[in-house]
Amino acid sequence: MDYNYDTSTLLTIKENIITEEDRYLVGTLYLAPQKNLNNAKYYGVAYDESAINLSKVNLCKKATNGCATSCIYHQGIFKTSDFEKNKIKQARFKRTFKFLLQREAFFAQLCKEIAAMIRRAKRKGLHPSIQLNGTSDILWEKEAFSYKEEEYKNMMELFPEVTFFDYTKYDIKKSRKKLPSNYHLTYSRAGKQKGILVDNWEYLNGLLKDNIDVAIIFSKKMKSKILEESFHNGIKVIDGDIYNYRAYDLYQRENTGLIVAIEAARKTELTRSGFIIQEESCMQEFLN
């Protein structure tokens, strides 16, 4: 049986205008995060069960319980839409199966879409940029592939003129320290996993002192509070919801990395995992 994992596109493309001079065209790849591939059948997406053991597939290996619960993948229309009517999630399942099971076709399509996006950006006077982990945490710098009979270590090597950026929960200083020069990572604070705090303030501060930006999810109230203060423990805080192109944060730094304050999506399920800074007590417990 032939399985069809085709979708109209792999990338979702949007303009991100920060200033009159800083104008970007951002292409984002949205896959099925964590272990959500296990739900593919409920959405009417068939796959070759003999080719893959889904119990061993996790595209967000460092995700904590709070992160998984609050993930944007589950928010908004994705939270209530009927399974087989949720075309967006169906497409994300198909893209993920294509990445895992039809890699040659996946990378060929991705390369073509990025090349087309570069041409589109040039016509519109925008800077092309790519976020490959829209809803995943894959080590893309280690994803080698072949395209037009040439071998590439990663997508960044094929498109050196494009800036790639992502959030990650991997330890950037240990697991991802050898990055391509055109790949920018922002550490995404994790909170607790099984009751144990993964990244305390000492750890986060160590990243910040090494010029690694740290994204932190806040409730609306607490985000407003920390932005009013502009700095936290001597670290500059910026509003991470103004723009998505995180590589631009390089221009905002003042001697250290930045705290990138992001507001939790509306109606996000709140837990006591510490992933979302909800109250002043959370600030004291997790960020001091």
Protein backbone atom coordinates (compact mmCIF):
# COMPACT_ATOMS: atom_id res chain seq x y z
CA MET A 1 0.00 0.00 0.00
CA ASP A 2 1.25 3.45 -0.90
CA TYR A 3 0.86 6.07 1.81
CA ASN A 4 0.27 9.66 0.81
CA TYR A 5 1.80 12.19 3.18
CA ASP A 6 1.60 15.08 0.74
CA THR A 7 0.41 18.52 1.83
CA SER A 8 0.00 21.67 -0.21
CA THR A 9 2.99 23.23 1.57
CA LEU A 10 5.48 22.45 4.30
CA LEU A 11 6.09 26.05 5.33
CA THR A 12 3.67 28.63 6.68
CA ILE A 13 4.91 32.00 5.45
CA LYS A 14 4.23 35.36 7.09
CA GLU A 15 5.74 38.82 6.99
CA ASN A 16 7.33 40.08 10.20
CA ILE A 17 7.84 43.85 10.00
CA ILE A 18 9.82 45.10 13.01
CA THR A 19 10.96 48.52 11.77
CA GLU A 20 10.91 50.23 8.40
CA GLU A 21 14.41 48.88 7.76
CA ASP A 22 14.03 45.52 9.49
CA ARG A 23 11.48 43.64 7.42
CA TYR A 24 11.45 39.85 7.32
CA LEU A 25 9.66 37.07 5.53
CA VAL A 26 9.46 34.13 7.93
CA GLY A 27 8.76 30.56 6.85
CA THR A 28 7.77 28.24 9.72
CA LEU A 29 7.59 24.46 9.68
CA TYR A 30 4.86 23.07 11.94
CA LEU A 31 5.08 19.36 12.75
CA ALA A 32 3.33 17.13 15.29
CA PRO A 33 5.22 17.71 18.57
CA GLN A 34 6.16 15.45 21.47
CA LYS A 35 4.44 12.08 21.02
CA ASN A 36 1.35 13.40 19.26
CA LEU A 37 1.87 11.16 16.23
CA ASN A 38 0.16 8.46 18.28
CA ASN A 39 -3.10 10.34 17.67
CA ALA A 40 -2.82 10.34 13.86
CA LYS A 41 -5.46 7.64 13.34
CA TYR A 42 -8.06 9.65 15.25
CA TYR A 43 -7.62 12.39 12.66
CA GLY A 44 -8.03 10.00 9.75
CA VAL A 45 -4.34 10.00 8.83
CA ALA A 46 -3.14 6.51 7.88
CA TYR A 47 0.53 5.56 8.07
CA ASP A 48 2.75 2.55 7.46
CA GLU A 49 2.79 0.82 10.84
CA SER A 50 5.44 -1.64 9.65
CA ALA A 51 7.87 1.20 8.94
CA ILE A 52 7.78 3.05 12.24
CA ASN A 53 7.34 2.40 15.96
CA LEU A 54 5.53 5.49 17.20
CA SER A 55 6.25 4.66 20.84
CA LYS A 56 9.87 5.59 20.13
CA VAL A 57 9.14 8.84 18.29
CA ASN A 58 9.30 12.10 20.22
CA LEU A 59 10.05 15.31 18.36
CA CYS A 60 10.34 17.28 21.62
CA LYS A 61 12.54 15.05 23.76
CA LYS A 62 13.21 17.74 26.36
CA ALA A 63 9.60 18.86 26.77
CA THR A 64 8.32 18.97 30.35
CA ASN A 65 4.78 18.20 31.46
CA GLY A 66 3.91 21.88 31.69
CA CYS A 67 5.36 22.62 28.28
CA ALA A 68 3.44 19.75 26.67
CA THR A 69 0.17 20.83 28.28
CA SER A 70 0.59 24.50 27.36
CA CYS A 71 2.01 23.89 23.87
CA ILE A 72 0.58 26.16 21.17
CA TYR A 73 -0.10 22.96 19.22
CA HIS A 74 -3.11 22.35 21.48
CA GLN A 75 -4.39 25.92 21.85
CA GLY A 76 -6.95 28.02 19.98
CA ILE A 77 -8.90 26.23 17.25
CA PHE A 78 -6.81 23.12 17.81
CA LYS A 79 -8.33 22.63 21.26
CA THR A 80 -11.96 22.10 20.26
CA SER A 81 -12.00 21.23 16.56
CA ASP A 82 -13.48 17.83 15.67
CA PHE A 83 -10.77 15.29 14.88
CA GLU A 84 -11.47 14.61 11.21
CA LYS A 85 -12.39 18.24 10.52
CA ASN A 86 -9.11 19.57 11.87
CA LYS A 87 -7.30 20.04 8.57
CA ILE A 88 -4.40 21.88 10.16
CA LYS A 89 -3.51 19.04 12.52
CA GLN A 90 -3.98 16.52 9.73
CA ALA A 91 -1.44 18.43 7.66
CA ARG A 92 1.01 18.49 10.57
CA PHE A 93 0.71 14.73 10.98
CA LYS A 94 1.35 14.22 7.28
CA ARG A 95 4.38 16.53 7.25
CA THR A 96 5.82 14.68 10.22
CA PHE A 97 5.34 11.25 8.64
CA LYS A 98 6.92 12.58 5.47
CA PHE A 99 9.92 13.84 7.44
CA LEU A 100 10.31 10.48 9.19
CA LEU A 101 9.41 8.04 6.42
CA GLN A 102 9.91 9.83 3.09
CA ARG A 103 12.95 11.93 3.85
CA GLU A 104 14.18 12.37 0.29
CA ALA A 105 10.81 13.73 -0.82
CA PHE A 106 10.50 15.83 2.34
CA PHE A 107 13.83 17.58 1.93
CA ALA A 108 13.33 18.04 -1.81
CA GLN A 109 10.04 19.84 -1.15
CA LEU A 110 11.49 21.86 1.72
CA CYS A 111 14.43 23.01 -0.41
CA LYS A 112 12.12 24.06 -3.24
CA GLU A 113 9.87 25.99 -0.87
CA ILE A 114 12.78 27.80 0.77
CA ALA A 115 14.24 28.70 -2.64
CA ALA A 116 10.84 30.03 -3.72
CA MET A 117 10.53 32.00 -0.48
CA ILE A 118 13.94 33.59 -1.05
CA ARG A 119 12.80 34.77 -4.48
CA ARG A 120 9.55 36.09 -3.01
CA ALA A 121 11.40 37.93 -0.25
CA LYS A 122 13.70 39.56 -2.80
CA ARG A 123 10.74 40.79 -4.85
CA LYS A 124 9.13 42.31 -1.76
CA GLY A 125 12.32 43.79 -0.32
CA LEU A 126 12.28 41.50 2.73
CA HIS A 127 14.93 39.41 4.48
CA PRO A 128 14.20 35.66 4.27
CA SER A 129 14.29 33.66 7.51
CA ILE A 130 13.24 30.16 8.51
CA GLN A 131 11.95 28.63 11.75
CA LEU A 132 12.07 24.85 11.35
CA ASN A 133 10.88 24.05 14.88
CA GLY A 134 7.53 25.81 14.94
CA THR A 135 6.09 23.03 17.11
CA SER A 136 9.02 20.66 17.55
CA ASP A 137 12.56 20.58 18.94
CA ILE A 138 14.64 18.75 16.36
CA LEU A 139 18.42 19.16 16.17
CA TRP A 140 18.31 20.50 12.62
CA GLU A 141 22.03 21.22 12.55
CA LYS A 142 22.49 17.42 12.58
CA GLU A 143 19.87 16.58 9.93
CA ALA A 144 21.96 15.71 6.88
CA PHE A 145 20.31 15.17 3.50
CA SER A 146 20.97 14.97 -0.23
CA TYR A 147 19.52 17.30 -2.83
CA LYS A 148 20.19 17.32 -6.57
CA GLU A 149 22.92 14.70 -6.12
CA GLU A 150 24.77 16.82 -3.56
CA GLU A 151 25.22 15.99 0.13
CA TYR A 152 24.58 18.62 2.80
CA LYS A 153 25.22 18.56 6.53
CA ASN A 154 22.06 20.56 7.18
CA MET A 155 19.67 23.09 5.64
CA MET A 156 21.82 25.98 6.85
CA GLU A 157 24.68 24.80 4.66
CA LEU A 158 22.53 24.81 1.53
CA PHE A 159 21.07 28.25 2.26
CA PRO A 160 23.86 30.33 3.85
CA GLU A 161 22.11 33.58 2.90
CA VAL A 162 19.09 32.69 5.05
CA THR A 163 18.95 33.15 8.82
CA PHE A 164 17.44 30.17 10.61
CA PHE A 165 16.13 30.52 14.16
CA ASP A 166 14.40 28.33 16.73
CA TYR A 167 13.48 27.91 20.37
CA THR A 168 14.95 24.88 22.14
CA LYS A 169 14.93 23.17 25.52
CA TYR A 170 18.22 21.41 24.87
CA ASP A 171 21.25 22.62 26.80
CA ILE A 172 22.67 24.95 24.15
CA LYS A 173 26.10 25.15 25.77
CA LYS A 174 26.49 21.36 25.82
CA SER A 175 24.23 19.67 23.28
CA ARG A 176 24.10 22.40 20.63
CA LYS A 177 27.26 24.44 20.98
CA LYS A 178 28.52 23.76 17.43
CA LEU A 179 25.91 25.58 15.40
CA PRO A 180 26.09 26.89 11.83
CA SER A 181 26.77 30.63 11.83
CA ASN A 182 23.34 31.33 10.30
CA TYR A 183 21.39 29.39 12.95
CA HIS A 184 20.19 31.32 16.02
CA LEU A 185 18.77 29.54 19.07
CA THR A 186 16.80 30.89 22.02
CA TYR A 187 16.57 28.75 25.13
CA SER A 188 12.97 28.04 26.14
CA ARG A 189 12.57 27.79 29.91
CA ALA A 190 11.22 24.37 30.91
CA GLY A 191 9.96 24.58 34.51
CA LYS A 192 9.41 21.35 36.42
CA GLN A 193 9.43 17.76 35.22
CA LYS A 194 7.89 15.20 37.59
CA GLY A 195 8.12 17.71 40.40
CA ILE A 196 11.80 18.52 39.87
CA LEU A 197 12.85 21.96 38.61
CA VAL A 198 14.78 21.48 35.38
CA ASP A 199 16.24 24.98 35.05
CA ASN A 200 16.60 27.08 38.18
CA TRP A 201 17.66 30.72 38.13
CA GLU A 202 21.34 29.83 38.55
CA TYR A 203 21.17 27.78 35.35
CA LEU A 204 19.20 30.42 33.44
CA ASN A 205 21.51 33.17 34.62
CA GLY A 206 24.49 31.15 33.40
CA LEU A 207 22.98 31.02 29.93
CA LEU A 208 22.18 34.73 29.98
CA LYS A 209 25.70 35.65 31.07
CA ASP A 210 26.98 33.66 28.08
CA ASN A 211 24.82 35.76 25.72
CA ILE A 212 22.13 33.14 25.25
CA ASP A 213 18.61 34.57 25.25
CA VAL A 214 16.01 32.86 27.44
CA ALA A 215 12.30 32.81 26.54
CA ILE A 216 9.94 32.62 29.51
CA ILE A 217 6.15 32.18 29.41
CA PHE A 218 4.15 34.49 31.67
CA SER A 219 0.52 35.09 32.50
CA LYS A 220 -0.76 38.39 31.12
CA LYS A 221 -0.54 40.03 34.55
CA MET A 222 3.00 38.88 35.29
CA LYS A 223 4.26 39.70 31.82
CA SER A 224 3.04 43.29 32.22
CA LYS A 225 4.73 43.50 35.60
CA ILE A 226 8.15 42.30 34.47
CA LEU A 227 8.07 44.51 31.37
CA GLU A 228 7.33 47.55 33.53
CA GLU A 229 10.57 46.92 35.37
CA SER A 230 12.56 46.49 32.10
CA PHE A 231 15.27 44.53 33.93
CA HIS A 232 15.20 41.46 36.17
CA ASN A 233 18.20 40.71 38.35
CA GLY A 234 20.26 42.95 36.09
CA ILE A 235 19.09 41.24 32.88
CA LYS A 236 17.25 43.19 30.20
CA VAL A 237 13.68 42.03 29.53
CA ILE A 238 11.97 42.45 26.15
CA ASP A 239 8.45 41.80 24.91
CA GLY A 240 8.72 38.59 22.91
CA ASP A 241 5.25 38.98 21.41
CA ILE A 242 6.03 42.11 19.38
CA TYR A 243 7.83 40.05 16.74
CA ASN A 244 8.62 36.38 16.18
CA TYR A 245 11.96 36.70 14.40
CA ARG A 246 14.10 35.88 17.43
CA ALA A 247 17.43 36.39 15.65
CA TYR A 248 16.65 40.12 15.78
CA ASP A 249 17.11 39.93 19.55
CA LEU A 250 20.85 40.11 18.93
CA TYR A 251 20.41 43.84 18.28
CA GLN A 252 18.57 44.37 21.58
CA ARG A 253 21.22 42.98 23.92
CA GLU A 254 23.12 44.98 26.52
CA ASN A 255 26.16 42.92 27.55
CA THR A 256 24.15 39.74 28.28
CA GLY A 257 21.47 37.59 26.75
CA LEU A 258 17.87 38.75 27.05
CA ILE A 259 14.86 37.55 28.98
CA VAL A 260 12.24 37.21 26.25
CA ALA A 261 8.86 37.57 27.96
CA ILE A 262 6.04 35.78 26.12
CA GLU A 263 2.40 35.76 27.16
CA ALA A 264 0.66 32.39 27.44
CA ALA A 265 -1.96 31.90 24.75
CA ARG A 266 -5.54 32.68 25.74
CA LYS A 267 -7.37 29.83 27.49
CA THR A 268 -4.12 27.94 27.98
CA GLU A 269 -4.57 25.27 30.62
CA LEU A 270 -2.66 26.43 33.68
CA THR A 271 -0.81 23.87 35.79
CA ARG A 272 1.41 23.98 38.84
CA SER A 273 4.41 22.78 36.83
CA GLY A 274 6.09 26.18 36.99
CA PHE A 275 6.27 26.39 33.21
CA ILE A 276 4.11 29.52 33.16
CA ILE A 277 5.02 32.30 35.60
CA GLN A 278 1.52 33.04 36.91
CA GLU A 279 1.99 34.92 40.19
CA GLU A 280 4.55 36.89 42.15
CA SER A 281 5.26 33.74 44.17
CA CYS A 282 6.36 32.03 40.94
CA MET A 283 8.85 34.83 40.32
CA GLN A 284 10.33 34.29 43.76
CA GLU A 285 10.41 30.51 43.43
CA PHE A 286 11.70 30.14 39.89
CA LEU A 287 13.44 33.36 38.83
CA ASN A 288 15.48 34.36 41.86
